[in-house]
mmCIF file of all heavy atoms, coordinates in Angstrom:
data_MODEL
# 
_entry.id   MODEL 
# 
loop_
_atom_site.group_PDB 
_atom_site.id 
_atom_site.type_symbol 
_atom_site.label_atom_id 
_atom_site.label_alt_id 
_atom_site.label_comp_id 
_atom_site.label_asym_id 
_atom_site.label_entity_id 
_atom_site.label_seq_id 
_atom_site.pdbx_PDB_ins_code 
_atom_site.Cartn_x 
_atom_site.Cartn_y 
_atom_site.Cartn_z 
_atom_site.occupancy 
_atom_site.B_iso_or_equiv 
_atom_site.pdbx_formal_charge 
_atom_site.auth_seq_id 
_atom_site.auth_comp_id 
_atom_site.auth_asym_id 
_atom_site.auth_atom_id 
_atom_site.pdbx_PDB_model_num 
ATOM 1   N N   . ALA A 1 1  ? 0.431  71.726  -64.793 1.00 0.00 ? 1  ALA A N   1 
ATOM 2   C CA  . ALA A 1 1  ? -1.012 71.822  -65.115 1.00 0.00 ? 1  ALA A CA  1 
ATOM 3   C C   . ALA A 1 1  ? -1.309 73.087  -66.015 1.00 0.00 ? 1  ALA A C   1 
ATOM 4   O O   . ALA A 1 1  ? -2.200 72.956  -66.830 1.00 0.00 ? 1  ALA A O   1 
ATOM 5   C CB  . ALA A 1 1  ? -1.828 71.972  -63.775 1.00 0.00 ? 1  ALA A CB  1 
ATOM 6   N N   . LYS A 1 2  ? -0.545 74.130  -65.911 1.00 0.00 ? 2  LYS A N   1 
ATOM 7   C CA  . LYS A 1 2  ? -0.746 75.321  -66.686 1.00 0.00 ? 2  LYS A CA  1 
ATOM 8   C C   . LYS A 1 2  ? 0.085  75.381  -67.995 1.00 0.00 ? 2  LYS A C   1 
ATOM 9   O O   . LYS A 1 2  ? -0.340 75.945  -69.022 1.00 0.00 ? 2  LYS A O   1 
ATOM 10  C CB  . LYS A 1 2  ? -0.442 76.513  -65.824 1.00 0.00 ? 2  LYS A CB  1 
ATOM 11  C CG  . LYS A 1 2  ? -1.344 76.748  -64.651 1.00 0.00 ? 2  LYS A CG  1 
ATOM 12  C CD  . LYS A 1 2  ? -0.974 77.963  -63.905 1.00 0.00 ? 2  LYS A CD  1 
ATOM 13  C CE  . LYS A 1 2  ? -1.967 78.224  -62.695 1.00 0.00 ? 2  LYS A CE  1 
ATOM 14  N NZ  . LYS A 1 2  ? -1.585 79.449  -61.972 1.00 0.00 ? 2  LYS A NZ  1 
ATOM 15  N N   . PHE A 1 3  ? 1.307  74.772  -67.869 1.00 0.00 ? 3  PHE A N   1 
ATOM 16  C CA  . PHE A 1 3  ? 2.296  74.966  -68.950 1.00 0.00 ? 3  PHE A CA  1 
ATOM 17  C C   . PHE A 1 3  ? 2.797  73.582  -69.483 1.00 0.00 ? 3  PHE A C   1 
ATOM 18  O O   . PHE A 1 3  ? 2.634  72.601  -68.862 1.00 0.00 ? 3  PHE A O   1 
ATOM 19  C CB  . PHE A 1 3  ? 3.508  75.750  -68.476 1.00 0.00 ? 3  PHE A CB  1 
ATOM 20  C CG  . PHE A 1 3  ? 3.155  76.997  -67.821 1.00 0.00 ? 3  PHE A CG  1 
ATOM 21  C CD1 . PHE A 1 3  ? 3.698  77.327  -66.504 1.00 0.00 ? 3  PHE A CD1 1 
ATOM 22  C CD2 . PHE A 1 3  ? 2.288  77.935  -68.282 1.00 0.00 ? 3  PHE A CD2 1 
ATOM 23  C CE1 . PHE A 1 3  ? 3.372  78.543  -65.862 1.00 0.00 ? 3  PHE A CE1 1 
ATOM 24  C CE2 . PHE A 1 3  ? 2.005  79.091  -67.652 1.00 0.00 ? 3  PHE A CE2 1 
ATOM 25  C CZ  . PHE A 1 3  ? 2.527  79.347  -66.397 1.00 0.00 ? 3  PHE A CZ  1 
ATOM 26  N N   . ARG A 1 4  ? 3.335  73.628  -70.641 1.00 0.00 ? 4  ARG A N   1 
ATOM 27  C CA  . ARG A 1 4  ? 3.903  72.365  -71.218 1.00 0.00 ? 4  ARG A CA  1 
ATOM 28  C C   . ARG A 1 4  ? 5.003  71.890  -70.428 1.00 0.00 ? 4  ARG A C   1 
ATOM 29  O O   . ARG A 1 4  ? 5.835  72.595  -69.874 1.00 0.00 ? 4  ARG A O   1 
ATOM 30  C CB  . ARG A 1 4  ? 4.442  72.715  -72.637 1.00 0.00 ? 4  ARG A CB  1 
ATOM 31  C CG  . ARG A 1 4  ? 3.360  72.939  -73.654 1.00 0.00 ? 4  ARG A CG  1 
ATOM 32  C CD  . ARG A 1 4  ? 3.968  73.093  -75.072 1.00 0.00 ? 4  ARG A CD  1 
ATOM 33  N NE  . ARG A 1 4  ? 4.968  72.143  -75.369 1.00 0.00 ? 4  ARG A NE  1 
ATOM 34  C CZ  . ARG A 1 4  ? 5.428  71.862  -76.596 1.00 0.00 ? 4  ARG A CZ  1 
ATOM 35  N NH1 . ARG A 1 4  ? 4.867  72.560  -77.599 1.00 0.00 ? 4  ARG A NH1 1 
ATOM 36  N NH2 . ARG A 1 4  ? 6.358  70.914  -76.766 1.00 0.00 ? 4  ARG A NH2 1 
ATOM 37  N N   . ARG A 1 5  ? 4.985  70.601  -70.284 1.00 0.00 ? 5  ARG A N   1 
ATOM 38  C CA  . ARG A 1 5  ? 5.966  69.931  -69.341 1.00 0.00 ? 5  ARG A CA  1 
ATOM 39  C C   . ARG A 1 5  ? 7.414  70.070  -69.899 1.00 0.00 ? 5  ARG A C   1 
ATOM 40  O O   . ARG A 1 5  ? 8.346  70.198  -69.125 1.00 0.00 ? 5  ARG A O   1 
ATOM 41  C CB  . ARG A 1 5  ? 5.636  68.379  -69.239 1.00 0.00 ? 5  ARG A CB  1 
ATOM 42  C CG  . ARG A 1 5  ? 6.595  67.704  -68.349 1.00 0.00 ? 5  ARG A CG  1 
ATOM 43  C CD  . ARG A 1 5  ? 6.140  66.235  -68.255 1.00 0.00 ? 5  ARG A CD  1 
ATOM 44  N NE  . ARG A 1 5  ? 4.823  66.051  -67.695 1.00 0.00 ? 5  ARG A NE  1 
ATOM 45  C CZ  . ARG A 1 5  ? 4.646  65.882  -66.360 1.00 0.00 ? 5  ARG A CZ  1 
ATOM 46  N NH1 . ARG A 1 5  ? 5.663  65.838  -65.537 1.00 0.00 ? 5  ARG A NH1 1 
ATOM 47  N NH2 . ARG A 1 5  ? 3.459  65.719  -65.875 1.00 0.00 ? 5  ARG A NH2 1 
ATOM 48  N N   . ASP A 1 6  ? 7.537  69.990  -71.211 1.00 0.00 ? 6  ASP A N   1 
ATOM 49  C CA  . ASP A 1 6  ? 8.878  69.942  -71.835 1.00 0.00 ? 6  ASP A CA  1 
ATOM 50  C C   . ASP A 1 6  ? 9.421  71.303  -72.342 1.00 0.00 ? 6  ASP A C   1 
ATOM 51  O O   . ASP A 1 6  ? 10.353 71.349  -73.070 1.00 0.00 ? 6  ASP A O   1 
ATOM 52  C CB  . ASP A 1 6  ? 8.936  68.959  -72.912 1.00 0.00 ? 6  ASP A CB  1 
ATOM 53  C CG  . ASP A 1 6  ? 8.007  69.346  -74.048 1.00 0.00 ? 6  ASP A CG  1 
ATOM 54  O OD1 . ASP A 1 6  ? 7.100  70.229  -73.884 1.00 0.00 ? 6  ASP A OD1 1 
ATOM 55  O OD2 . ASP A 1 6  ? 8.084  68.753  -75.161 1.00 0.00 ? 6  ASP A OD2 1 
ATOM 56  N N   . ARG A 1 7  ? 8.731  72.363  -71.988 1.00 0.00 ? 7  ARG A N   1 
ATOM 57  C CA  . ARG A 1 7  ? 9.153  73.657  -72.516 1.00 0.00 ? 7  ARG A CA  1 
ATOM 58  C C   . ARG A 1 7  ? 8.847  74.765  -71.436 1.00 0.00 ? 7  ARG A C   1 
ATOM 59  O O   . ARG A 1 7  ? 7.764  74.789  -70.923 1.00 0.00 ? 7  ARG A O   1 
ATOM 60  C CB  . ARG A 1 7  ? 8.373  73.988  -73.772 1.00 0.00 ? 7  ARG A CB  1 
ATOM 61  C CG  . ARG A 1 7  ? 8.707  75.281  -74.486 1.00 0.00 ? 7  ARG A CG  1 
ATOM 62  C CD  . ARG A 1 7  ? 7.865  75.439  -75.695 1.00 0.00 ? 7  ARG A CD  1 
ATOM 63  N NE  . ARG A 1 7  ? 8.100  76.762  -76.306 1.00 0.00 ? 7  ARG A NE  1 
ATOM 64  C CZ  . ARG A 1 7  ? 7.456  77.242  -77.344 1.00 0.00 ? 7  ARG A CZ  1 
ATOM 65  N NH1 . ARG A 1 7  ? 6.507  76.476  -77.895 1.00 0.00 ? 7  ARG A NH1 1 
ATOM 66  N NH2 . ARG A 1 7  ? 7.684  78.421  -77.840 1.00 0.00 ? 7  ARG A NH2 1 
ATOM 67  N N   . ASN A 1 8  ? 9.862  75.523  -71.157 1.00 0.00 ? 8  ASN A N   1 
ATOM 68  C CA  . ASN A 1 8  ? 9.665  76.592  -70.171 1.00 0.00 ? 8  ASN A CA  1 
ATOM 69  C C   . ASN A 1 8  ? 10.153 77.936  -70.840 1.00 0.00 ? 8  ASN A C   1 
ATOM 70  O O   . ASN A 1 8  ? 11.344 78.220  -71.042 1.00 0.00 ? 8  ASN A O   1 
ATOM 71  C CB  . ASN A 1 8  ? 10.567 76.310  -68.970 1.00 0.00 ? 8  ASN A CB  1 
ATOM 72  C CG  . ASN A 1 8  ? 10.294 77.347  -67.860 1.00 0.00 ? 8  ASN A CG  1 
ATOM 73  O OD1 . ASN A 1 8  ? 9.750  78.396  -68.064 1.00 0.00 ? 8  ASN A OD1 1 
ATOM 74  N ND2 . ASN A 1 8  ? 10.617 76.963  -66.593 1.00 0.00 ? 8  ASN A ND2 1 
ATOM 75  N N   . THR A 1 9  ? 9.219  78.801  -71.203 1.00 0.00 ? 9  THR A N   1 
ATOM 76  C CA  . THR A 1 9  ? 9.494  80.081  -71.753 1.00 0.00 ? 9  THR A CA  1 
ATOM 77  C C   . THR A 1 9  ? 9.101  81.232  -70.761 1.00 0.00 ? 9  THR A C   1 
ATOM 78  O O   . THR A 1 9  ? 9.035  82.358  -71.158 1.00 0.00 ? 9  THR A O   1 
ATOM 79  C CB  . THR A 1 9  ? 8.678  80.298  -73.069 1.00 0.00 ? 9  THR A CB  1 
ATOM 80  O OG1 . THR A 1 9  ? 7.283  80.180  -72.724 1.00 0.00 ? 9  THR A OG1 1 
ATOM 81  C CG2 . THR A 1 9  ? 9.022  79.238  -74.091 1.00 0.00 ? 9  THR A CG2 1 
ATOM 82  N N   . TYR A 1 10 ? 9.044  80.900  -69.530 1.00 0.00 ? 10 TYR A N   1 
ATOM 83  C CA  . TYR A 1 10 ? 8.608  81.781  -68.475 1.00 0.00 ? 10 TYR A CA  1 
ATOM 84  C C   . TYR A 1 10 ? 9.763  82.208  -67.575 1.00 0.00 ? 10 TYR A C   1 
ATOM 85  O O   . TYR A 1 10 ? 10.084 81.466  -66.629 1.00 0.00 ? 10 TYR A O   1 
ATOM 86  C CB  . TYR A 1 10 ? 7.410  81.207  -67.734 1.00 0.00 ? 10 TYR A CB  1 
ATOM 87  C CG  . TYR A 1 10 ? 6.348  80.663  -68.626 1.00 0.00 ? 10 TYR A CG  1 
ATOM 88  C CD1 . TYR A 1 10 ? 6.087  79.341  -68.693 1.00 0.00 ? 10 TYR A CD1 1 
ATOM 89  C CD2 . TYR A 1 10 ? 5.694  81.520  -69.497 1.00 0.00 ? 10 TYR A CD2 1 
ATOM 90  C CE1 . TYR A 1 10 ? 5.089  78.777  -69.563 1.00 0.00 ? 10 TYR A CE1 1 
ATOM 91  C CE2 . TYR A 1 10 ? 4.782  81.090  -70.382 1.00 0.00 ? 10 TYR A CE2 1 
ATOM 92  C CZ  . TYR A 1 10 ? 4.472  79.706  -70.383 1.00 0.00 ? 10 TYR A CZ  1 
ATOM 93  O OH  . TYR A 1 10 ? 3.566  79.207  -71.317 1.00 0.00 ? 10 TYR A OH  1 
ATOM 94  N N   . TRP A 1 11 ? 10.443 83.280  -67.946 1.00 0.00 ? 11 TRP A N   1 
ATOM 95  C CA  . TRP A 1 11 ? 11.691 83.697  -67.361 1.00 0.00 ? 11 TRP A CA  1 
ATOM 96  C C   . TRP A 1 11 ? 11.536 84.967  -66.610 1.00 0.00 ? 11 TRP A C   1 
ATOM 97  O O   . TRP A 1 11 ? 10.551 85.710  -66.850 1.00 0.00 ? 11 TRP A O   1 
ATOM 98  C CB  . TRP A 1 11 ? 12.787 83.780  -68.426 1.00 0.00 ? 11 TRP A CB  1 
ATOM 99  C CG  . TRP A 1 11 ? 12.306 84.430  -69.725 1.00 0.00 ? 11 TRP A CG  1 
ATOM 100 C CD1 . TRP A 1 11 ? 11.884 83.820  -70.833 1.00 0.00 ? 11 TRP A CD1 1 
ATOM 101 C CD2 . TRP A 1 11 ? 12.087 85.872  -69.922 1.00 0.00 ? 11 TRP A CD2 1 
ATOM 102 N NE1 . TRP A 1 11 ? 11.451 84.813  -71.769 1.00 0.00 ? 11 TRP A NE1 1 
ATOM 103 C CE2 . TRP A 1 11 ? 11.584 86.053  -71.261 1.00 0.00 ? 11 TRP A CE2 1 
ATOM 104 C CE3 . TRP A 1 11 ? 12.302 87.022  -69.143 1.00 0.00 ? 11 TRP A CE3 1 
ATOM 105 C CZ2 . TRP A 1 11 ? 11.318 87.354  -71.745 1.00 0.00 ? 11 TRP A CZ2 1 
ATOM 106 C CZ3 . TRP A 1 11 ? 12.018 88.253  -69.657 1.00 0.00 ? 11 TRP A CZ3 1 
ATOM 107 C CH2 . TRP A 1 11 ? 11.532 88.372  -70.966 1.00 0.00 ? 11 TRP A CH2 1 
ATOM 108 N N   . THR A 1 12 ? 12.531 85.243  -65.849 1.00 0.00 ? 12 THR A N   1 
ATOM 109 C CA  . THR A 1 12 ? 12.736 86.560  -65.281 1.00 0.00 ? 12 THR A CA  1 
ATOM 110 C C   . THR A 1 12 ? 14.042 87.180  -65.666 1.00 0.00 ? 12 THR A C   1 
ATOM 111 O O   . THR A 1 12 ? 15.059 86.464  -65.681 1.00 0.00 ? 12 THR A O   1 
ATOM 112 C CB  . THR A 1 12 ? 12.763 86.480  -63.653 1.00 0.00 ? 12 THR A CB  1 
ATOM 113 O OG1 . THR A 1 12 ? 11.522 85.960  -63.236 1.00 0.00 ? 12 THR A OG1 1 
ATOM 114 C CG2 . THR A 1 12 ? 12.954 87.898  -63.114 1.00 0.00 ? 12 THR A CG2 1 
ATOM 115 N N   . GLY A 1 13 ? 14.019 88.363  -66.202 1.00 0.00 ? 13 GLY A N   1 
ATOM 116 C CA  . GLY A 1 13 ? 15.283 89.045  -66.707 1.00 0.00 ? 13 GLY A CA  1 
ATOM 117 C C   . GLY A 1 13 ? 15.629 90.186  -65.763 1.00 0.00 ? 13 GLY A C   1 
ATOM 118 O O   . GLY A 1 13 ? 14.800 90.902  -65.255 1.00 0.00 ? 13 GLY A O   1 
ATOM 119 N N   . ILE A 1 14 ? 16.908 90.272  -65.504 1.00 0.00 ? 14 ILE A N   1 
ATOM 120 C CA  . ILE A 1 14 ? 17.441 91.339  -64.660 1.00 0.00 ? 14 ILE A CA  1 
ATOM 121 C C   . ILE A 1 14 ? 18.409 92.167  -65.511 1.00 0.00 ? 14 ILE A C   1 
ATOM 122 O O   . ILE A 1 14 ? 19.396 91.686  -66.005 1.00 0.00 ? 14 ILE A O   1 
ATOM 123 C CB  . ILE A 1 14 ? 18.209 90.781  -63.376 1.00 0.00 ? 14 ILE A CB  1 
ATOM 124 C CG1 . ILE A 1 14 ? 17.254 89.887  -62.565 1.00 0.00 ? 14 ILE A CG1 1 
ATOM 125 C CG2 . ILE A 1 14 ? 18.781 91.908  -62.476 1.00 0.00 ? 14 ILE A CG2 1 
ATOM 126 C CD1 . ILE A 1 14 ? 17.956 89.060  -61.501 1.00 0.00 ? 14 ILE A CD1 1 
ATOM 127 N N   . LYS A 1 15 ? 18.133 93.479  -65.606 1.00 0.00 ? 15 LYS A N   1 
ATOM 128 C CA  . LYS A 1 15 ? 18.961 94.369  -66.348 1.00 0.00 ? 15 LYS A CA  1 
ATOM 129 C C   . LYS A 1 15 ? 19.806 95.250  -65.397 1.00 0.00 ? 15 LYS A C   1 
ATOM 130 O O   . LYS A 1 15 ? 19.269 96.093  -64.704 1.00 0.00 ? 15 LYS A O   1 
ATOM 131 C CB  . LYS A 1 15 ? 18.080 95.260  -67.245 1.00 0.00 ? 15 LYS A CB  1 
ATOM 132 C CG  . LYS A 1 15 ? 18.869 96.328  -68.085 1.00 0.00 ? 15 LYS A CG  1 
ATOM 133 C CD  . LYS A 1 15 ? 19.706 95.739  -69.092 1.00 0.00 ? 15 LYS A CD  1 
ATOM 134 C CE  . LYS A 1 15 ? 20.258 96.772  -70.056 1.00 0.00 ? 15 LYS A CE  1 
ATOM 135 N NZ  . LYS A 1 15 ? 21.212 97.784  -69.440 1.00 0.00 ? 15 LYS A NZ  1 
ATOM 136 N N   . ALA A 1 16 ? 21.056 94.903  -65.321 1.00 0.00 ? 16 ALA A N   1 
ATOM 137 C CA  . ALA A 1 16 ? 21.893 95.743  -64.423 1.00 0.00 ? 16 ALA A CA  1 
ATOM 138 C C   . ALA A 1 16 ? 23.285 95.963  -65.019 1.00 0.00 ? 16 ALA A C   1 
ATOM 139 O O   . ALA A 1 16 ? 24.136 96.606  -64.367 1.00 0.00 ? 16 ALA A O   1 
ATOM 140 C CB  . ALA A 1 16 ? 22.107 94.914  -63.105 1.00 0.00 ? 16 ALA A CB  1 
ATOM 141 N N   . HIS A 1 17 ? 23.490 95.493  -66.222 1.00 0.00 ? 17 HIS A N   1 
ATOM 142 C CA  . HIS A 1 17 ? 24.718 95.749  -66.936 1.00 0.00 ? 17 HIS A CA  1 
ATOM 143 C C   . HIS A 1 17 ? 24.485 96.547  -68.250 1.00 0.00 ? 17 HIS A C   1 
ATOM 144 O O   . HIS A 1 17 ? 23.421 96.604  -68.723 1.00 0.00 ? 17 HIS A O   1 
ATOM 145 C CB  . HIS A 1 17 ? 25.389 94.381  -67.278 1.00 0.00 ? 17 HIS A CB  1 
ATOM 146 C CG  . HIS A 1 17 ? 25.940 93.640  -66.117 1.00 0.00 ? 17 HIS A CG  1 
ATOM 147 N ND1 . HIS A 1 17 ? 27.270 93.812  -65.712 1.00 0.00 ? 17 HIS A ND1 1 
ATOM 148 C CD2 . HIS A 1 17 ? 25.331 92.715  -65.374 1.00 0.00 ? 17 HIS A CD2 1 
ATOM 149 C CE1 . HIS A 1 17 ? 27.419 92.920  -64.655 1.00 0.00 ? 17 HIS A CE1 1 
ATOM 150 N NE2 . HIS A 1 17 ? 26.331 92.301  -64.411 1.00 0.00 ? 17 HIS A NE2 1 
ATOM 151 N N   . ASN A 1 18 ? 25.595 97.199  -68.714 1.00 0.00 ? 18 ASN A N   1 
ATOM 152 C CA  . ASN A 1 18 ? 25.512 97.971  -69.930 1.00 0.00 ? 18 ASN A CA  1 
ATOM 153 C C   . ASN A 1 18 ? 26.343 97.280  -71.055 1.00 0.00 ? 18 ASN A C   1 
ATOM 154 O O   . ASN A 1 18 ? 26.720 97.873  -71.980 1.00 0.00 ? 18 ASN A O   1 
ATOM 155 C CB  . ASN A 1 18 ? 26.039 99.382  -69.700 1.00 0.00 ? 18 ASN A CB  1 
ATOM 156 C CG  . ASN A 1 18 ? 25.073 100.128 -68.787 1.00 0.00 ? 18 ASN A CG  1 
ATOM 157 O OD1 . ASN A 1 18 ? 23.851 100.041 -68.963 1.00 0.00 ? 18 ASN A OD1 1 
ATOM 158 N ND2 . ASN A 1 18 ? 25.700 100.858 -67.860 1.00 0.00 ? 18 ASN A ND2 1 
ATOM 159 N N   . ALA A 1 19 ? 26.537 95.961  -70.920 1.00 0.00 ? 19 ALA A N   1 
ATOM 160 C CA  . ALA A 1 19 ? 27.343 95.227  -71.865 1.00 0.00 ? 19 ALA A CA  1 
ATOM 161 C C   . ALA A 1 19 ? 26.900 93.767  -71.866 1.00 0.00 ? 19 ALA A C   1 
ATOM 162 O O   . ALA A 1 19 ? 26.019 93.345  -71.034 1.00 0.00 ? 19 ALA A O   1 
ATOM 163 C CB  . ALA A 1 19 ? 28.838 95.273  -71.547 1.00 0.00 ? 19 ALA A CB  1 
ATOM 164 N N   . VAL A 1 20 ? 27.286 92.933  -72.752 1.00 0.00 ? 20 VAL A N   1 
ATOM 165 C CA  . VAL A 1 20 ? 26.917 91.535  -72.776 1.00 0.00 ? 20 VAL A CA  1 
ATOM 166 C C   . VAL A 1 20 ? 27.250 90.862  -71.398 1.00 0.00 ? 20 VAL A C   1 
ATOM 167 O O   . VAL A 1 20 ? 28.353 91.038  -70.941 1.00 0.00 ? 20 VAL A O   1 
ATOM 168 C CB  . VAL A 1 20 ? 27.721 90.773  -73.896 1.00 0.00 ? 20 VAL A CB  1 
ATOM 169 C CG1 . VAL A 1 20 ? 27.467 89.314  -73.860 1.00 0.00 ? 20 VAL A CG1 1 
ATOM 170 C CG2 . VAL A 1 20 ? 27.276 91.326  -75.249 1.00 0.00 ? 20 VAL A CG2 1 
ATOM 171 N N   . VAL A 1 21 ? 26.340 90.178  -70.840 1.00 0.00 ? 21 VAL A N   1 
ATOM 172 C CA  . VAL A 1 21 ? 26.584 89.480  -69.610 1.00 0.00 ? 21 VAL A CA  1 
ATOM 173 C C   . VAL A 1 21 ? 27.192 88.149  -69.953 1.00 0.00 ? 21 VAL A C   1 
ATOM 174 O O   . VAL A 1 21 ? 26.535 87.182  -70.405 1.00 0.00 ? 21 VAL A O   1 
ATOM 175 C CB  . VAL A 1 21 ? 25.248 89.299  -68.792 1.00 0.00 ? 21 VAL A CB  1 
ATOM 176 C CG1 . VAL A 1 21 ? 25.575 88.585  -67.491 1.00 0.00 ? 21 VAL A CG1 1 
ATOM 177 C CG2 . VAL A 1 21 ? 24.608 90.638  -68.486 1.00 0.00 ? 21 VAL A CG2 1 
ATOM 178 N N   . THR A 1 22 ? 28.539 88.067  -69.813 1.00 0.00 ? 22 THR A N   1 
ATOM 179 C CA  . THR A 1 22 ? 29.237 86.889  -70.242 1.00 0.00 ? 22 THR A CA  1 
ATOM 180 C C   . THR A 1 22 ? 29.165 85.710  -69.298 1.00 0.00 ? 22 THR A C   1 
ATOM 181 O O   . THR A 1 22 ? 29.366 84.534  -69.655 1.00 0.00 ? 22 THR A O   1 
ATOM 182 C CB  . THR A 1 22 ? 30.724 87.247  -70.411 1.00 0.00 ? 22 THR A CB  1 
ATOM 183 O OG1 . THR A 1 22 ? 31.160 87.861  -69.302 1.00 0.00 ? 22 THR A OG1 1 
ATOM 184 C CG2 . THR A 1 22 ? 30.882 88.223  -71.659 1.00 0.00 ? 22 THR A CG2 1 
ATOM 185 N N   . SER A 1 23 ? 28.862 85.956  -68.009 1.00 0.00 ? 23 SER A N   1 
ATOM 186 C CA  . SER A 1 23 ? 28.785 84.947  -67.054 1.00 0.00 ? 23 SER A CA  1 
ATOM 187 C C   . SER A 1 23 ? 27.868 85.321  -65.921 1.00 0.00 ? 23 SER A C   1 
ATOM 188 O O   . SER A 1 23 ? 27.786 86.486  -65.504 1.00 0.00 ? 23 SER A O   1 
ATOM 189 C CB  . SER A 1 23 ? 30.161 84.601  -66.440 1.00 0.00 ? 23 SER A CB  1 
ATOM 190 O OG  . SER A 1 23 ? 30.132 83.559  -65.556 1.00 0.00 ? 23 SER A OG  1 
ATOM 191 N N   . ALA A 1 24 ? 27.085 84.338  -65.417 1.00 0.00 ? 24 ALA A N   1 
ATOM 192 C CA  . ALA A 1 24 ? 26.202 84.600  -64.229 1.00 0.00 ? 24 ALA A CA  1 
ATOM 193 C C   . ALA A 1 24 ? 26.104 83.273  -63.477 1.00 0.00 ? 24 ALA A C   1 
ATOM 194 O O   . ALA A 1 24 ? 25.829 82.263  -64.074 1.00 0.00 ? 24 ALA A O   1 
ATOM 195 C CB  . ALA A 1 24 ? 24.788 85.124  -64.647 1.00 0.00 ? 24 ALA A CB  1 
ATOM 196 N N   . VAL A 1 25 ? 26.241 83.346  -62.172 1.00 0.00 ? 25 VAL A N   1 
ATOM 197 C CA  . VAL A 1 25 ? 26.251 82.156  -61.254 1.00 0.00 ? 25 VAL A CA  1 
ATOM 198 C C   . VAL A 1 25 ? 25.519 82.463  -59.981 1.00 0.00 ? 25 VAL A C   1 
ATOM 199 O O   . VAL A 1 25 ? 25.468 83.606  -59.579 1.00 0.00 ? 25 VAL A O   1 
ATOM 200 C CB  . VAL A 1 25 ? 27.677 81.597  -60.992 1.00 0.00 ? 25 VAL A CB  1 
ATOM 201 C CG1 . VAL A 1 25 ? 28.318 81.149  -62.313 1.00 0.00 ? 25 VAL A CG1 1 
ATOM 202 C CG2 . VAL A 1 25 ? 28.526 82.701  -60.294 1.00 0.00 ? 25 VAL A CG2 1 
# 
């Protein structure tokens, strides 16, 4: 109802590394 059905740009980011995060699961 608030956002486009086919597009999600509403993310949460977690900064806990000092290098490229190569994998997250």
